[in-house]
């Protein structure tokens, strides 16, 4: 398995929340996040990602993220 990493696009995520009548309960300027998917290949990672998130909120990254 390979690990595919995506980082949040804050402006897109906040707009999605707003369009769906939701509000964040924290300072929006602090919005950050990393999505990690273990998959055999990038195409499968994309398909998996589509099942549980709005993919427009995330961009692929090769940055290293420490726990």
C-alpha atoms as a PDB file:
ATOM      1  CA  UNK A   1       0.000   0.000   0.000  1.00  0.00           C
ATOM      2  CA  UNK A   2       1.014   3.579  -0.628  1.00  0.00           C
ATOM      3  CA  UNK A   3       0.027   6.582   1.456  1.00  0.00           C
ATOM      4  CA  UNK A   4      -1.473   9.510  -0.441  1.00  0.00           C
ATOM      5  CA  UNK A   5      -1.626  12.839   1.373  1.00  0.00           C
ATOM      6  CA  UNK A   6      -3.952  15.761   0.765  1.00  0.00           C
ATOM      7  CA  UNK A   7      -4.064  19.112   2.534  1.00  0.00           C
ATOM      8  CA  UNK A   8      -7.197  21.163   3.054  1.00  0.00           C
ATOM      9  CA  UNK A   9      -8.017  24.136   0.847  1.00  0.00           C
ATOM     10  CA  UNK A  10      -9.453  26.403   3.571  1.00  0.00           C
ATOM     11  CA  UNK A  11     -11.272  28.800   1.242  1.00  0.00           C
ATOM     12  CA  UNK A  12     -13.040  25.946  -0.577  1.00  0.00           C
ATOM     13  CA  UNK A  13     -13.939  24.129   2.646  1.00  0.00           C
ATOM     14  CA  UNK A  14     -15.351  27.264   4.266  1.00  0.00           C
ATOM     15  CA  UNK A  15     -17.396  28.082   1.161  1.00  0.00           C
ATOM     16  CA  UNK A  16     -18.783  24.520   1.145  1.00  0.00           C
ATOM     17  CA  UNK A  17     -19.842  24.892   4.790  1.00  0.00           C
ATOM     18  CA  UNK A  18     -21.453  28.256   4.072  1.00  0.00           C
ATOM     19  CA  UNK A  19     -23.346  26.937   1.039  1.00  0.00           C
ATOM     20  CA  UNK A  20     -24.723  24.110   3.169  1.00  0.00           C
ATOM     21  CA  UNK A  21     -25.909  26.385   5.978  1.00  0.00           C
ATOM     22  CA  UNK A  22     -23.152  25.370   8.374  1.00  0.00           C
ATOM     23  CA  UNK A  23     -20.760  27.443  10.447  1.00  0.00           C
ATOM     24  CA  UNK A  24     -17.443  26.481  11.956  1.00  0.00           C
ATOM     25  CA  UNK A  25     -17.143  26.733  15.725  1.00  0.00           C
ATOM     26  CA  UNK A  26     -13.611  28.156  15.676  1.00  0.00           C
ATOM     27  CA  UNK A  27     -11.581  30.956  14.103  1.00  0.00           C
ATOM     28  CA  UNK A  28     -11.780  30.206  10.340  1.00  0.00           C
ATOM     29  CA  UNK A  29      -8.238  31.544   9.884  1.00  0.00           C
ATOM     30  CA  UNK A  30      -7.016  28.544  11.889  1.00  0.00           C
ATOM     31  CA  UNK A  31      -8.558  25.960   9.541  1.00  0.00           C
ATOM     32  CA  UNK A  32      -6.056  23.310   8.528  1.00  0.00           C
ATOM     33  CA  UNK A  33      -6.046  19.588   8.026  1.00  0.00           C
ATOM     34  CA  UNK A  34      -4.416  16.637   6.340  1.00  0.00           C
ATOM     35  CA  UNK A  35      -6.197  13.680   4.770  1.00  0.00           C
ATOM     36  CA  UNK A  36      -4.144  10.500   4.413  1.00  0.00           C
ATOM     37  CA  UNK A  37      -5.327   7.516   2.403  1.00  0.00           C
ATOM     38  CA  UNK A  38      -3.606   4.152   2.133  1.00  0.00           C
ATOM     39  CA  UNK A  39      -4.285   2.659  -1.287  1.00  0.00           C
ATOM     40  CA  UNK A  40      -2.504   0.515  -3.849  1.00  0.00           C
ATOM     41  CA  UNK A  41      -2.317   3.392  -6.363  1.00  0.00           C
ATOM     42  CA  UNK A  42      -3.303   7.036  -6.883  1.00  0.00           C
ATOM     43  CA  UNK A  43      -6.420   6.239  -8.924  1.00  0.00           C
ATOM     44  CA  UNK A  44      -7.753   4.052  -6.116  1.00  0.00           C
ATOM     45  CA  UNK A  45      -6.896   6.752  -3.565  1.00  0.00           C
ATOM     46  CA  UNK A  46      -8.973   9.236  -5.598  1.00  0.00           C
ATOM     47  CA  UNK A  47     -11.936   6.851  -5.715  1.00  0.00           C
ATOM     48  CA  UNK A  48     -11.689   6.212  -1.968  1.00  0.00           C
ATOM     49  CA  UNK A  49     -11.465   9.925  -1.247  1.00  0.00           C
ATOM     50  CA  UNK A  50     -14.650  10.588  -3.217  1.00  0.00           C
ATOM     51  CA  UNK A  51     -16.612   8.204  -0.978  1.00  0.00           C
ATOM     52  CA  UNK A  52     -16.205  10.221   2.207  1.00  0.00           C
ATOM     53  CA  UNK A  53     -15.373  13.836   1.417  1.00  0.00           C
ATOM     54  CA  UNK A  54     -15.958  16.661  -1.027  1.00  0.00           C
ATOM     55  CA  UNK A  55     -12.790  16.296  -3.072  1.00  0.00           C
ATOM     56  CA  UNK A  56     -12.763  19.972  -4.058  1.00  0.00           C
ATOM     57  CA  UNK A  57     -11.612  20.773  -0.499  1.00  0.00           C
ATOM     58  CA  UNK A  58      -8.347  18.860  -0.799  1.00  0.00           C
ATOM     59  CA  UNK A  59      -5.186  19.110  -2.855  1.00  0.00           C
ATOM     60  CA  UNK A  60      -2.550  16.410  -3.204  1.00  0.00           C
ATOM     61  CA  UNK A  61       0.698  17.109  -1.390  1.00  0.00           C
ATOM     62  CA  UNK A  62       4.044  15.389  -1.043  1.00  0.00           C
ATOM     63  CA  UNK A  63       4.904  17.294   2.129  1.00  0.00           C
ATOM     64  CA  UNK A  64       5.990  15.252   5.095  1.00  0.00           C
ATOM     65  CA  UNK A  65       3.632  15.417   8.057  1.00  0.00           C
ATOM     66  CA  UNK A  66       4.915  14.241  11.421  1.00  0.00           C
ATOM     67  CA  UNK A  67       2.449  12.853  13.979  1.00  0.00           C
END
